[in-house]
Amino acid sequence: MELSTWLAFIGVISLLIASPGPSAILCLSHGVKFGKKRAIATILGGSFASLILMGLSAIGLGAILATSELAFTIVKVLGAGYLIYLGIHAFFDTSSPVQTDDKVATTAKENNAHLFQKGFIIGISNPKDLLFFAALFPSFISLTQPQTMQFVTLASSWFVIDCLIMFFYVSLGSKITPLFTRQSVIKLFNRTVGGFFIAVGGTLLVSSK
């Protein structure tokens, strides 16, 4: 793979990942509620979902999703429904940010698995990533060169950059945690996050019809 091609890929995915979307907002929210260490599970869930989507694109399933209106619509509807579910849950959530002290929470293992699951489902059903991997990702692979190494290079580059940018959102969330000492602020934040997820999910449902 030529250096210019790799740099172009890095530039495109950096802008794509950094643009505020469901995964970024989820990481920001979990950074507030659970702190940087706990929210790493959310980051890994979303990043592994991206690796799966890249794998599907590599074996040609991405092309099927791009050309089959029914398949793509089903994926969008499922993702939209989960976004709306998360939005409703967050909208009515009045709990305070979770303490991140190591001595707190004996059910951390279960909670981490739950955070990973949320990040994974949001990532696997994100139409922005689906469109990218199905339509743009193959264009960065040269058919005249060994494709396996190219795929490994692009996939690992995405994984690293995705984790770094999402960790920024998580860190930002953890930094503003001290602001959430008043119930009114907690309520406003939860309703803002919940409203965002509901709006995005509703938009996806409308566009899927």
N, C-alpha and C. Protein backbone atom coordinates (compact mmCIF):
# COMPACT_ATOMS: atom_id res chain seq x y z
N MET A 1 0.83 -1.20 0.00
CA MET A 1 0.00 0.00 0.00
C MET A 1 0.87 1.25 0.00
N GLU A 2 0.53 2.19 -0.87
CA GLU A 2 1.30 3.43 -0.95
C GLU A 2 1.02 4.31 0.27
N LEU A 3 2.04 5.07 0.66
CA LEU A 3 1.90 5.94 1.83
C LEU A 3 0.79 6.97 1.62
N SER A 4 0.69 7.51 0.41
CA SER A 4 -0.33 8.51 0.13
C SER A 4 -1.74 7.94 0.31
N THR A 5 -1.92 6.68 -0.07
CA THR A 5 -3.23 6.03 0.09
C THR A 5 -3.55 5.86 1.57
N TRP A 6 -2.56 5.43 2.34
CA TRP A 6 -2.76 5.22 3.77
C TRP A 6 -3.06 6.54 4.47
N LEU A 7 -2.34 7.61 4.10
CA LEU A 7 -2.57 8.92 4.72
C LEU A 7 -3.96 9.44 4.37
N ALA A 8 -4.40 9.19 3.14
CA ALA A 8 -5.75 9.61 2.74
C ALA A 8 -6.78 8.87 3.57
N PHE A 9 -6.55 7.59 3.79
CA PHE A 9 -7.45 6.77 4.61
C PHE A 9 -7.51 7.30 6.03
N ILE A 10 -6.33 7.64 6.59
CA ILE A 10 -6.25 8.17 7.96
C ILE A 10 -7.04 9.47 8.06
N GLY A 11 -6.88 10.34 7.06
CA GLY A 11 -7.59 11.62 7.09
C GLY A 11 -9.10 11.44 7.04
N VAL A 12 -9.55 10.56 6.16
CA VAL A 12 -10.99 10.34 6.00
C VAL A 12 -11.59 9.75 7.28
N ILE A 13 -10.96 8.71 7.82
CA ILE A 13 -11.55 8.06 8.99
C ILE A 13 -11.45 8.92 10.23
N SER A 14 -10.43 9.76 10.32
CA SER A 14 -10.31 10.65 11.48
C SER A 14 -11.49 11.62 11.52
N LEU A 15 -11.83 12.18 10.37
CA LEU A 15 -12.98 13.10 10.31
C LEU A 15 -14.28 12.34 10.56
N LEU A 16 -14.37 11.15 10.00
CA LEU A 16 -15.59 10.36 10.15
C LEU A 16 -15.82 9.98 11.61
N ILE A 17 -14.78 9.50 12.26
CA ILE A 17 -14.91 9.04 13.65
C ILE A 17 -15.12 10.21 14.60
N ALA A 18 -14.41 11.33 14.34
CA ALA A 18 -14.48 12.47 15.25
C ALA A 18 -15.81 13.21 15.18
N SER A 19 -16.51 13.11 14.05
CA SER A 19 -17.79 13.80 13.92
C SER A 19 -18.76 13.24 14.94
N PRO A 20 -19.43 14.12 15.72
CA PRO A 20 -20.33 13.66 16.78
C PRO A 20 -21.43 12.76 16.22
N GLY A 21 -21.55 11.59 16.78
CA GLY A 21 -22.57 10.64 16.37
C GLY A 21 -23.00 9.82 17.55
N PRO A 22 -23.84 8.79 17.34
CA PRO A 22 -24.33 7.97 18.46
C PRO A 22 -23.21 7.37 19.31
N SER A 23 -22.15 6.85 18.69
CA SER A 23 -21.06 6.24 19.45
C SER A 23 -20.32 7.28 20.29
N ALA A 24 -20.07 8.44 19.71
CA ALA A 24 -19.37 9.50 20.44
C ALA A 24 -20.19 9.99 21.62
N ILE A 25 -21.50 10.19 21.40
CA ILE A 25 -22.37 10.65 22.48
C ILE A 25 -22.47 9.60 23.57
N LEU A 26 -22.52 8.32 23.17
CA LEU A 26 -22.57 7.25 24.17
C LEU A 26 -21.30 7.23 25.01
N CYS A 27 -20.15 7.40 24.36
CA CYS A 27 -18.88 7.42 25.10
C CYS A 27 -18.82 8.63 26.03
N LEU A 28 -19.29 9.77 25.57
CA LEU A 28 -19.33 10.97 26.41
C LEU A 28 -20.20 10.72 27.63
N SER A 29 -21.37 10.13 27.40
CA SER A 29 -22.30 9.86 28.48
C SER A 29 -21.72 8.86 29.49
N HIS A 30 -21.10 7.80 28.98
CA HIS A 30 -20.52 6.80 29.88
C HIS A 30 -19.29 7.34 30.61
N GLY A 31 -18.59 8.29 29.98
CA GLY A 31 -17.48 8.94 30.66
C GLY A 31 -17.96 9.71 31.87
N VAL A 32 -19.13 10.36 31.72
CA VAL A 32 -19.72 11.10 32.83
C VAL A 32 -20.18 10.15 33.93
N LYS A 33 -20.87 9.10 33.55
CA LYS A 33 -21.50 8.22 34.52
C LYS A 33 -20.54 7.24 35.18
N PHE A 34 -19.55 6.74 34.41
CA PHE A 34 -18.72 5.65 34.92
C PHE A 34 -17.23 5.97 35.02
N GLY A 35 -16.80 7.09 34.46
CA GLY A 35 -15.39 7.42 34.51
C GLY A 35 -14.61 6.78 33.37
N LYS A 36 -13.34 7.20 33.20
CA LYS A 36 -12.53 6.75 32.07
C LYS A 36 -12.27 5.25 32.08
N LYS A 37 -11.91 4.69 33.23
CA LYS A 37 -11.54 3.28 33.29
C LYS A 37 -12.71 2.38 32.91
N ARG A 38 -13.87 2.64 33.51
CA ARG A 38 -15.03 1.79 33.25
C ARG A 38 -15.52 1.96 31.82
N ALA A 39 -15.46 3.17 31.28
CA ALA A 39 -16.00 3.44 29.95
C ALA A 39 -15.12 2.89 28.83
N ILE A 40 -13.93 2.39 29.17
CA ILE A 40 -13.09 1.75 28.16
C ILE A 40 -13.83 0.56 27.55
N ALA A 41 -14.66 -0.10 28.35
CA ALA A 41 -15.45 -1.23 27.84
C ALA A 41 -16.38 -0.77 26.73
N THR A 42 -16.95 0.41 26.86
CA THR A 42 -17.81 0.96 25.82
C THR A 42 -17.02 1.21 24.54
N ILE A 43 -15.83 1.77 24.70
CA ILE A 43 -14.96 2.05 23.55
C ILE A 43 -14.62 0.75 22.81
N LEU A 44 -14.23 -0.26 23.56
CA LEU A 44 -13.84 -1.53 22.95
C LEU A 44 -15.02 -2.18 22.24
N GLY A 45 -16.22 -2.06 22.82
CA GLY A 45 -17.40 -2.63 22.18
C GLY A 45 -17.64 -2.03 20.81
N GLY A 46 -17.57 -0.70 20.73
CA GLY A 46 -17.76 -0.03 19.45
C GLY A 46 -16.66 -0.32 18.46
N SER A 47 -15.42 -0.40 18.93
CA SER A 47 -14.28 -0.65 18.05
C SER A 47 -14.31 -2.07 17.48
N PHE A 48 -14.67 -3.04 18.31
CA PHE A 48 -14.77 -4.41 17.81
C PHE A 48 -15.91 -4.55 16.81
N ALA A 49 -16.97 -3.78 17.02
CA ALA A 49 -18.07 -3.78 16.05
C ALA A 49 -17.58 -3.29 14.69
N SER A 50 -16.72 -2.28 14.71
CA SER A 50 -16.16 -1.75 13.47
C SER A 50 -15.30 -2.80 12.77
N LEU A 51 -14.53 -3.56 13.54
CA LEU A 51 -13.70 -4.61 12.95
C LEU A 51 -14.56 -5.66 12.26
N ILE A 52 -15.70 -5.98 12.86
CA ILE A 52 -16.60 -6.96 12.25
C ILE A 52 -17.17 -6.42 10.94
N LEU A 53 -17.56 -5.14 10.95
CA LEU A 53 -18.10 -4.53 9.73
C LEU A 53 -17.04 -4.50 8.64
N MET A 54 -15.79 -4.24 9.01
CA MET A 54 -14.71 -4.26 8.02
C MET A 54 -14.49 -5.66 7.48
N GLY A 55 -14.62 -6.66 8.35
CA GLY A 55 -14.47 -8.03 7.90
C GLY A 55 -15.57 -8.42 6.92
N LEU A 56 -16.80 -7.99 7.22
CA LEU A 56 -17.91 -8.27 6.31
C LEU A 56 -17.69 -7.60 4.96
N SER A 57 -17.17 -6.38 5.01
CA SER A 57 -16.89 -5.68 3.76
C SER A 57 -15.82 -6.41 2.97
N ALA A 58 -14.83 -6.93 3.66
CA ALA A 58 -13.72 -7.60 2.99
C ALA A 58 -14.16 -8.86 2.27
N ILE A 59 -15.15 -9.55 2.81
CA ILE A 59 -15.59 -10.79 2.16
C ILE A 59 -16.77 -10.56 1.22
N GLY A 60 -17.13 -9.33 1.01
CA GLY A 60 -18.14 -9.02 0.01
C GLY A 60 -19.53 -8.80 0.53
N LEU A 61 -19.76 -9.02 1.85
CA LEU A 61 -21.11 -8.82 2.37
C LEU A 61 -21.48 -7.35 2.38
N GLY A 62 -20.45 -6.49 2.50
CA GLY A 62 -20.72 -5.06 2.48
C GLY A 62 -21.38 -4.66 1.17
N ALA A 63 -20.94 -5.25 0.07
CA ALA A 63 -21.54 -4.94 -1.23
C ALA A 63 -23.00 -5.37 -1.27
N ILE A 64 -23.30 -6.50 -0.61
CA ILE A 64 -24.68 -6.98 -0.58
C ILE A 64 -25.57 -5.99 0.18
N LEU A 65 -25.07 -5.51 1.33
CA LEU A 65 -25.83 -4.55 2.11
C LEU A 65 -26.04 -3.26 1.33
N ALA A 66 -25.04 -2.87 0.54
CA ALA A 66 -25.14 -1.62 -0.21
C ALA A 66 -26.12 -1.73 -1.36
N THR A 67 -26.27 -2.93 -1.93
CA THR A 67 -27.13 -3.08 -3.11
C THR A 67 -28.51 -3.63 -2.76
N SER A 68 -28.65 -4.24 -1.58
CA SER A 68 -29.94 -4.79 -1.18
C SER A 68 -30.66 -3.80 -0.28
N GLU A 69 -31.71 -3.21 -0.78
CA GLU A 69 -32.48 -2.23 -0.01
C GLU A 69 -33.11 -2.88 1.22
N LEU A 70 -33.58 -4.10 1.08
CA LEU A 70 -34.23 -4.79 2.19
C LEU A 70 -33.24 -5.06 3.32
N ALA A 71 -32.05 -5.59 2.97
CA ALA A 71 -31.06 -5.91 3.99
C ALA A 71 -30.62 -4.66 4.74
N PHE A 72 -30.35 -3.59 4.01
CA PHE A 72 -29.89 -2.36 4.64
C PHE A 72 -31.00 -1.75 5.50
N THR A 73 -32.25 -1.84 5.03
CA THR A 73 -33.37 -1.30 5.79
C THR A 73 -33.56 -2.05 7.10
N ILE A 74 -33.41 -3.37 7.06
CA ILE A 74 -33.55 -4.17 8.29
C ILE A 74 -32.50 -3.76 9.31
N VAL A 75 -31.25 -3.59 8.86
CA VAL A 75 -30.18 -3.18 9.76
C VAL A 75 -30.47 -1.81 10.37
N LYS A 76 -30.93 -0.88 9.53
CA LYS A 76 -31.21 0.46 10.02
C LYS A 76 -32.37 0.47 11.02
N VAL A 77 -33.41 -0.31 10.75
CA VAL A 77 -34.57 -0.35 11.64
C VAL A 77 -34.17 -0.92 13.00
N LEU A 78 -33.38 -2.01 13.00
CA LEU A 78 -32.93 -2.60 14.26
C LEU A 78 -32.07 -1.61 15.04
N GLY A 79 -31.16 -0.95 14.34
CA GLY A 79 -30.31 0.03 15.00
C GLY A 79 -31.10 1.21 15.52
N ALA A 80 -32.08 1.66 14.73
CA ALA A 80 -32.91 2.79 15.14
C ALA A 80 -33.73 2.44 16.38
N GLY A 81 -34.26 1.22 16.40
CA GLY A 81 -35.05 0.79 17.55
C GLY A 81 -34.23 0.76 18.83
N TYR A 82 -32.99 0.29 18.73
CA TYR A 82 -32.12 0.25 19.91
C TYR A 82 -31.74 1.65 20.36
N LEU A 83 -31.51 2.55 19.42
CA LEU A 83 -31.20 3.93 19.77
C LEU A 83 -32.37 4.58 20.52
N ILE A 84 -33.57 4.34 20.04
CA ILE A 84 -34.75 4.90 20.71
C ILE A 84 -34.91 4.31 22.11
N TYR A 85 -34.63 3.00 22.24
CA TYR A 85 -34.69 2.35 23.56
C TYR A 85 -33.70 3.00 24.53
N LEU A 86 -32.46 3.19 24.06
CA LEU A 86 -31.45 3.84 24.90
C LEU A 86 -31.87 5.27 25.24
N GLY A 87 -32.45 5.94 24.26
CA GLY A 87 -32.87 7.32 24.47
C GLY A 87 -33.95 7.44 25.53
N ILE A 88 -34.95 6.56 25.48
CA ILE A 88 -36.03 6.59 26.47
C ILE A 88 -35.48 6.28 27.86
N HIS A 89 -34.58 5.29 27.92
CA HIS A 89 -33.98 4.93 29.21
C HIS A 89 -33.19 6.10 29.79
N ALA A 90 -32.39 6.76 28.94
CA ALA A 90 -31.58 7.88 29.42
C ALA A 90 -32.45 9.08 29.78
N PHE A 91 -33.51 9.30 29.01
CA PHE A 91 -34.36 10.47 29.22
C PHE A 91 -34.99 10.47 30.61
N PHE A 92 -35.38 9.30 31.07
CA PHE A 92 -36.05 9.20 32.37
C PHE A 92 -35.11 8.78 33.49
N ASP A 93 -33.82 8.69 33.19
CA ASP A 93 -32.83 8.31 34.20
C ASP A 93 -32.49 9.52 35.07
N THR A 94 -32.61 9.36 36.37
CA THR A 94 -32.30 10.46 37.31
C THR A 94 -31.13 10.10 38.23
N SER A 95 -30.45 9.00 37.93
CA SER A 95 -29.35 8.57 38.79
C SER A 95 -28.14 9.47 38.63
N SER A 96 -27.35 9.56 39.67
CA SER A 96 -26.14 10.37 39.65
C SER A 96 -25.01 9.60 38.96
N PRO A 97 -23.98 10.31 38.50
CA PRO A 97 -22.82 9.62 37.91
C PRO A 97 -22.25 8.60 38.87
N VAL A 98 -21.88 7.44 38.38
CA VAL A 98 -21.35 6.36 39.22
C VAL A 98 -19.95 6.70 39.68
N GLN A 99 -19.64 6.44 40.95
CA GLN A 99 -18.30 6.66 41.47
C GLN A 99 -17.33 5.69 40.82
N THR A 100 -16.13 6.15 40.53
CA THR A 100 -15.15 5.32 39.83
C THR A 100 -14.07 4.77 40.74
N ASP A 101 -14.21 4.94 42.04
CA ASP A 101 -13.24 4.40 42.98
C ASP A 101 -13.20 2.88 42.86
N ASP A 102 -12.01 2.29 42.94
CA ASP A 102 -11.85 0.85 42.77
C ASP A 102 -12.59 0.06 43.85
N LYS A 103 -12.87 0.68 45.00
CA LYS A 103 -13.53 -0.02 46.09
C LYS A 103 -15.04 -0.06 45.91
N VAL A 104 -15.53 0.66 44.91
CA VAL A 104 -16.98 0.76 44.72
C VAL A 104 -17.44 -0.27 43.70
N ALA A 105 -18.65 -0.76 43.85
CA ALA A 105 -19.32 -1.62 42.87
C ALA A 105 -18.72 -3.01 42.80
N THR A 106 -19.35 -3.95 43.48
CA THR A 106 -18.89 -5.33 43.44
C THR A 106 -19.33 -6.03 42.17
N THR A 107 -20.26 -5.43 41.42
CA THR A 107 -20.76 -6.03 40.18
C THR A 107 -20.11 -5.40 38.97
N ALA A 108 -18.86 -4.95 39.14
CA ALA A 108 -18.18 -4.23 38.05
C ALA A 108 -18.05 -5.09 36.80
N LYS A 109 -17.82 -6.40 36.99
CA LYS A 109 -17.65 -7.29 35.85
C LYS A 109 -18.91 -7.31 35.00
N GLU A 110 -20.07 -7.46 35.65
CA GLU A 110 -21.33 -7.46 34.92
C GLU A 110 -21.56 -6.11 34.25
N ASN A 111 -21.28 -5.05 34.96
CA ASN A 111 -21.48 -3.72 34.41
C ASN A 111 -20.58 -3.48 33.21
N ASN A 112 -19.33 -3.90 33.28
CA ASN A 112 -18.42 -3.73 32.16
C ASN A 112 -18.92 -4.48 30.93
N ALA A 113 -19.45 -5.68 31.15
CA ALA A 113 -19.99 -6.46 30.03
C ALA A 113 -21.18 -5.73 29.42
N HIS A 114 -21.99 -5.12 30.27
CA HIS A 114 -23.15 -4.38 29.79
C HIS A 114 -22.72 -3.15 28.99
N LEU A 115 -21.68 -2.47 29.46
CA LEU A 115 -21.18 -1.30 28.74
C LEU A 115 -20.59 -1.72 27.40
N PHE A 116 -19.87 -2.82 27.37
CA PHE A 116 -19.32 -3.35 26.12
C PHE A 116 -20.45 -3.67 25.15
N GLN A 117 -21.51 -4.28 25.65
CA GLN A 117 -22.64 -4.64 24.81
C GLN A 117 -23.29 -3.40 24.20
N LYS A 118 -23.46 -2.36 25.00
CA LYS A 118 -24.07 -1.13 24.48
C LYS A 118 -23.21 -0.53 23.38
N GLY A 119 -21.91 -0.44 23.63
CA GLY A 119 -21.01 0.11 22.64
C GLY A 119 -21.01 -0.72 21.36
N PHE A 120 -21.06 -2.04 21.52
CA PHE A 120 -21.03 -2.94 20.36
C PHE A 120 -22.28 -2.78 19.51
N ILE A 121 -23.45 -2.77 20.14
CA ILE A 121 -24.71 -2.68 19.39
C ILE A 121 -24.82 -1.35 18.67
N ILE A 122 -24.43 -0.27 19.35
CA ILE A 122 -24.46 1.04 18.69
C ILE A 122 -23.50 1.05 17.50
N GLY A 123 -22.32 0.47 17.67
CA GLY A 123 -21.34 0.45 16.59
C GLY A 123 -21.74 -0.41 15.42
N ILE A 124 -22.31 -1.58 15.70
CA ILE A 124 -22.64 -2.53 14.65
C ILE A 124 -23.83 -2.06 13.83
N SER A 125 -24.66 -1.18 14.39
CA SER A 125 -25.87 -0.73 13.70
C SER A 125 -25.78 0.71 13.23
N ASN A 126 -24.56 1.27 13.25
CA ASN A 126 -24.37 2.66 12.85
C ASN A 126 -24.33 2.76 11.32
N PRO A 127 -25.35 3.35 10.68
CA PRO A 127 -25.39 3.45 9.22
C PRO A 127 -24.19 4.19 8.65
N LYS A 128 -23.64 5.14 9.42
CA LYS A 128 -22.48 5.89 8.93
C LYS A 128 -21.32 4.94 8.67
N ASP A 129 -21.08 4.02 9.60
CA ASP A 129 -20.01 3.05 9.42
C ASP A 129 -20.35 2.02 8.35
N LEU A 130 -21.62 1.61 8.32
CA LEU A 130 -22.03 0.64 7.30
C LEU A 130 -21.79 1.19 5.90
N LEU A 131 -22.20 2.44 5.69
CA LEU A 131 -22.02 3.06 4.39
C LEU A 131 -20.54 3.20 4.05
N PHE A 132 -19.74 3.57 5.05
CA PHE A 132 -18.31 3.75 4.80
C PHE A 132 -17.65 2.44 4.40
N PHE A 133 -17.87 1.40 5.20
CA PHE A 133 -17.20 0.13 4.93
C PHE A 133 -17.73 -0.53 3.66
N ALA A 134 -19.02 -0.34 3.37
CA ALA A 134 -19.59 -0.98 2.20
C ALA A 134 -19.22 -0.26 0.90
N ALA A 135 -19.10 1.06 0.97
CA ALA A 135 -18.88 1.83 -0.26
C ALA A 135 -17.46 2.39 -0.42
N LEU A 136 -16.87 2.88 0.66
CA LEU A 136 -15.58 3.57 0.55
C LEU A 136 -14.38 2.70 0.92
N PHE A 137 -14.55 1.85 1.92
CA PHE A 137 -13.42 1.04 2.39
C PHE A 137 -12.76 0.23 1.28
N PRO A 138 -13.53 -0.47 0.42
CA PRO A 138 -12.88 -1.25 -0.64
C PRO A 138 -12.06 -0.41 -1.61
N SER A 139 -12.38 0.88 -1.72
CA SER A 139 -11.65 1.72 -2.68
C SER A 139 -10.23 2.01 -2.25
N PHE A 140 -9.91 1.75 -0.98
CA PHE A 140 -8.55 1.97 -0.48
C PHE A 140 -7.67 0.72 -0.65
N ILE A 141 -8.25 -0.34 -1.17
CA ILE A 141 -7.51 -1.58 -1.38
C ILE A 141 -7.19 -1.75 -2.85
N SER A 142 -5.92 -1.93 -3.16
CA SER A 142 -5.48 -2.14 -4.54
C SER A 142 -5.56 -3.63 -4.89
N LEU A 143 -6.22 -3.92 -6.01
CA LEU A 143 -6.35 -5.31 -6.44
C LEU A 143 -5.06 -5.87 -7.01
N THR A 144 -4.08 -4.99 -7.28
CA THR A 144 -2.81 -5.44 -7.86
C THR A 144 -1.79 -5.81 -6.79
N GLN A 145 -2.14 -5.60 -5.52
CA GLN A 145 -1.25 -5.93 -4.42
C GLN A 145 -1.93 -6.93 -3.49
N PRO A 146 -1.13 -7.64 -2.67
CA PRO A 146 -1.72 -8.60 -1.72
C PRO A 146 -2.77 -7.92 -0.85
N GLN A 147 -3.98 -8.44 -0.88
CA GLN A 147 -5.09 -7.76 -0.20
C GLN A 147 -5.12 -8.00 1.30
N THR A 148 -4.62 -9.13 1.74
CA THR A 148 -4.69 -9.44 3.17
C THR A 148 -3.93 -8.42 4.01
N MET A 149 -2.70 -8.10 3.60
CA MET A 149 -1.90 -7.14 4.36
C MET A 149 -2.52 -5.75 4.30
N GLN A 150 -3.11 -5.41 3.16
CA GLN A 150 -3.77 -4.11 3.06
C GLN A 150 -4.94 -4.03 4.03
N PHE A 151 -5.71 -5.11 4.08
CA PHE A 151 -6.85 -5.13 4.98
C PHE A 151 -6.40 -5.01 6.44
N VAL A 152 -5.36 -5.75 6.79
CA VAL A 152 -4.85 -5.70 8.16
C VAL A 152 -4.38 -4.28 8.51
N THR A 153 -3.70 -3.64 7.56
CA THR A 153 -3.21 -2.27 7.80
C THR A 153 -4.36 -1.30 8.01
N LEU A 154 -5.36 -1.36 7.14
CA LEU A 154 -6.49 -0.43 7.24
C LEU A 154 -7.32 -0.72 8.49
N ALA A 155 -7.54 -1.99 8.77
CA ALA A 155 -8.35 -2.36 9.93
C ALA A 155 -7.68 -1.95 11.24
N SER A 156 -6.39 -2.22 11.34
CA SER A 156 -5.67 -1.86 12.57
C SER A 156 -5.58 -0.35 12.73
N SER A 157 -5.44 0.37 11.62
CA SER A 157 -5.40 1.83 11.67
C SER A 157 -6.72 2.38 12.18
N TRP A 158 -7.82 1.83 11.65
CA TRP A 158 -9.14 2.27 12.11
C TRP A 158 -9.30 1.98 13.60
N PHE A 159 -8.93 0.79 14.03
CA PHE A 159 -9.13 0.39 15.43
C PHE A 159 -8.39 1.34 16.37
N VAL A 160 -7.13 1.65 16.05
CA VAL A 160 -6.33 2.52 16.92
C VAL A 160 -6.91 3.93 16.97
N ILE A 161 -7.23 4.49 15.81
CA ILE A 161 -7.76 5.86 15.76
C ILE A 161 -9.13 5.94 16.40
N ASP A 162 -9.94 4.92 16.18
CA ASP A 162 -11.27 4.89 16.78
C ASP A 162 -11.16 4.89 18.30
N CYS A 163 -10.29 4.04 18.84
CA CYS A 163 -10.11 3.98 20.30
C CYS A 163 -9.60 5.31 20.86
N LEU A 164 -8.65 5.93 20.17
CA LEU A 164 -8.08 7.19 20.66
C LEU A 164 -9.12 8.30 20.68
N ILE A 165 -9.89 8.42 19.61
CA ILE A 165 -10.87 9.51 19.54
C ILE A 165 -12.01 9.27 20.52
N MET A 166 -12.47 8.02 20.62
CA MET A 166 -13.53 7.72 21.58
C MET A 166 -13.05 7.91 23.02
N PHE A 167 -11.75 7.63 23.27
CA PHE A 167 -11.21 7.86 24.60
C PHE A 167 -11.20 9.35 24.92
N PHE A 168 -11.01 10.18 23.89
CA PHE A 168 -11.10 11.63 24.10
C PHE A 168 -12.50 12.01 24.57
N TYR A 169 -13.52 11.43 23.93
CA TYR A 169 -14.90 11.73 24.34
C TYR A 169 -15.16 11.23 25.76
N VAL A 170 -14.65 10.04 26.08
CA VAL A 170 -14.81 9.50 27.42
C VAL A 170 -14.11 10.40 28.45
N SER A 171 -12.89 10.84 28.13
CA SER A 171 -12.13 11.71 29.03
C SER A 171 -12.84 13.03 29.24
N LEU A 172 -13.41 13.56 28.16
CA LEU A 172 -14.17 14.81 28.26
C LEU A 172 -15.34 14.62 29.21
N GLY A 173 -16.01 13.48 29.06
CA GLY A 173 -17.14 13.21 29.95
C GLY A 173 -16.72 13.09 31.39
N SER A 174 -15.60 12.42 31.65
CA SER A 174 -15.15 12.24 33.03
C SER A 174 -14.70 13.55 33.65
N LYS A 175 -14.19 14.47 32.83
CA LYS A 175 -13.73 15.76 33.34
C LYS A 175 -14.88 16.63 33.82
N ILE A 176 -16.03 16.50 33.17
CA ILE A 176 -17.16 17.36 33.54
C ILE A 176 -18.04 16.70 34.60
N THR A 177 -17.63 15.52 35.10
CA THR A 177 -18.41 14.84 36.13
C THR A 177 -18.66 15.70 37.37
N PRO A 178 -17.66 16.49 37.86
CA PRO A 178 -17.92 17.31 39.05
C PRO A 178 -19.09 18.28 38.90
N LEU A 179 -19.45 18.58 37.65
CA LEU A 179 -20.58 19.50 37.43
C LEU A 179 -21.90 18.84 37.81
N PHE A 180 -21.88 17.50 37.88
CA PHE A 180 -23.13 16.77 38.10
C PHE A 180 -23.36 16.48 39.58
N THR A 181 -23.35 17.53 40.36
CA THR A 181 -23.63 17.40 41.79
C THR A 181 -25.04 17.85 42.12
N ARG A 182 -25.68 18.52 41.17
CA ARG A 182 -27.06 18.98 41.38
C ARG A 182 -28.01 18.14 40.53
N GLN A 183 -29.14 17.81 41.12
CA GLN A 183 -30.11 16.96 40.43
C GLN A 183 -30.61 17.60 39.14
N SER A 184 -30.73 18.93 39.14
CA SER A 184 -31.22 19.62 37.95
C SER A 184 -30.26 19.46 36.78
N VAL A 185 -28.94 19.47 37.06
CA VAL A 185 -27.95 19.30 36.00
C VAL A 185 -27.98 17.88 35.48
N ILE A 186 -28.09 16.91 36.40
CA ILE A 186 -28.16 15.50 36.00
C ILE A 186 -29.38 15.26 35.11
N LYS A 187 -30.50 15.82 35.52
CA LYS A 187 -31.73 15.65 34.75
C LYS A 187 -31.61 16.27 33.36
N LEU A 188 -31.00 17.45 33.29
CA LEU A 188 -30.83 18.13 32.00
C LEU A 188 -29.92 17.33 31.08
N PHE A 189 -28.82 16.82 31.65
CA PHE A 189 -27.88 16.04 30.84
C PHE A 189 -28.53 14.77 30.31
N ASN A 190 -29.21 14.02 31.20
CA ASN A 190 -29.83 12.78 30.79
C ASN A 190 -30.91 13.01 29.73
N ARG A 191 -31.66 14.08 29.87
CA ARG A 191 -32.70 14.35 28.89
C ARG A 191 -32.11 14.81 27.56
N THR A 192 -30.98 15.51 27.62
CA THR A 192 -30.31 15.93 26.39
C THR A 192 -29.77 14.72 25.63
N VAL A 193 -29.08 13.83 26.36
CA VAL A 193 -28.55 12.61 25.74
C VAL A 193 -29.69 11.74 25.24
N GLY A 194 -30.72 11.57 26.08
CA GLY A 194 -31.85 10.75 25.67
C GLY A 194 -32.56 11.32 24.46
N GLY A 195 -32.74 12.64 24.46
CA GLY A 195 -33.40 13.28 23.32
C GLY A 195 -32.60 13.12 22.04
N PHE A 196 -31.27 13.16 22.16
CA PHE A 196 -30.42 12.99 20.98
C PHE A 196 -30.60 11.59 20.38
N PHE A 197 -30.55 10.57 21.25
CA PHE A 197 -30.69 9.20 20.77
C PHE A 197 -32.08 8.97 20.15
N ILE A 198 -33.10 9.51 20.79
CA ILE A 198 -34.46 9.35 20.27
C ILE A 198 -34.59 10.04 18.91
N ALA A 199 -34.01 11.24 18.79
CA ALA A 199 -34.08 11.98 17.53
C ALA A 199 -33.37 11.24 16.41
N VAL A 200 -32.17 10.73 16.71
CA VAL A 200 -31.40 9.99 15.69
C VAL A 200 -32.14 8.71 15.30
N GLY A 201 -32.62 7.98 16.30
CA GLY A 201 -33.36 6.76 16.01
C GLY A 201 -34.63 7.01 15.21
N GLY A 202 -35.35 8.08 15.57
CA GLY A 202 -36.56 8.43 14.83
C GLY A 202 -36.27 8.81 13.40
N THR A 203 -35.16 9.55 13.20
CA THR A 203 -34.77 9.94 11.85
C THR A 203 -34.44 8.72 11.00
N LEU A 204 -33.76 7.75 11.61
CA LEU A 204 -33.40 6.52 10.89
C LEU A 204 -34.65 5.73 10.52
N LEU A 205 -35.63 5.68 11.44
CA LEU A 205 -36.86 4.95 11.15
C LEU A 205 -37.61 5.59 9.98
N VAL A 206 -37.66 6.91 9.98
CA VAL A 206 -38.35 7.62 8.89
C VAL A 206 -37.65 7.39 7.57
N SER A 207 -36.31 7.46 7.60
CA SER A 207 -35.55 7.29 6.36
C SER A 207 -35.57 5.85 5.87
N SER A 208 -35.95 4.91 6.76
CA SER A 208 -35.98 3.49 6.38
C SER A 208 -37.28 3.12 5.67
N LYS A 209 -38.26 3.98 5.74
CA LYS A 209 -39.56 3.66 5.14
C LYS A 209 -39.57 3.97 3.64
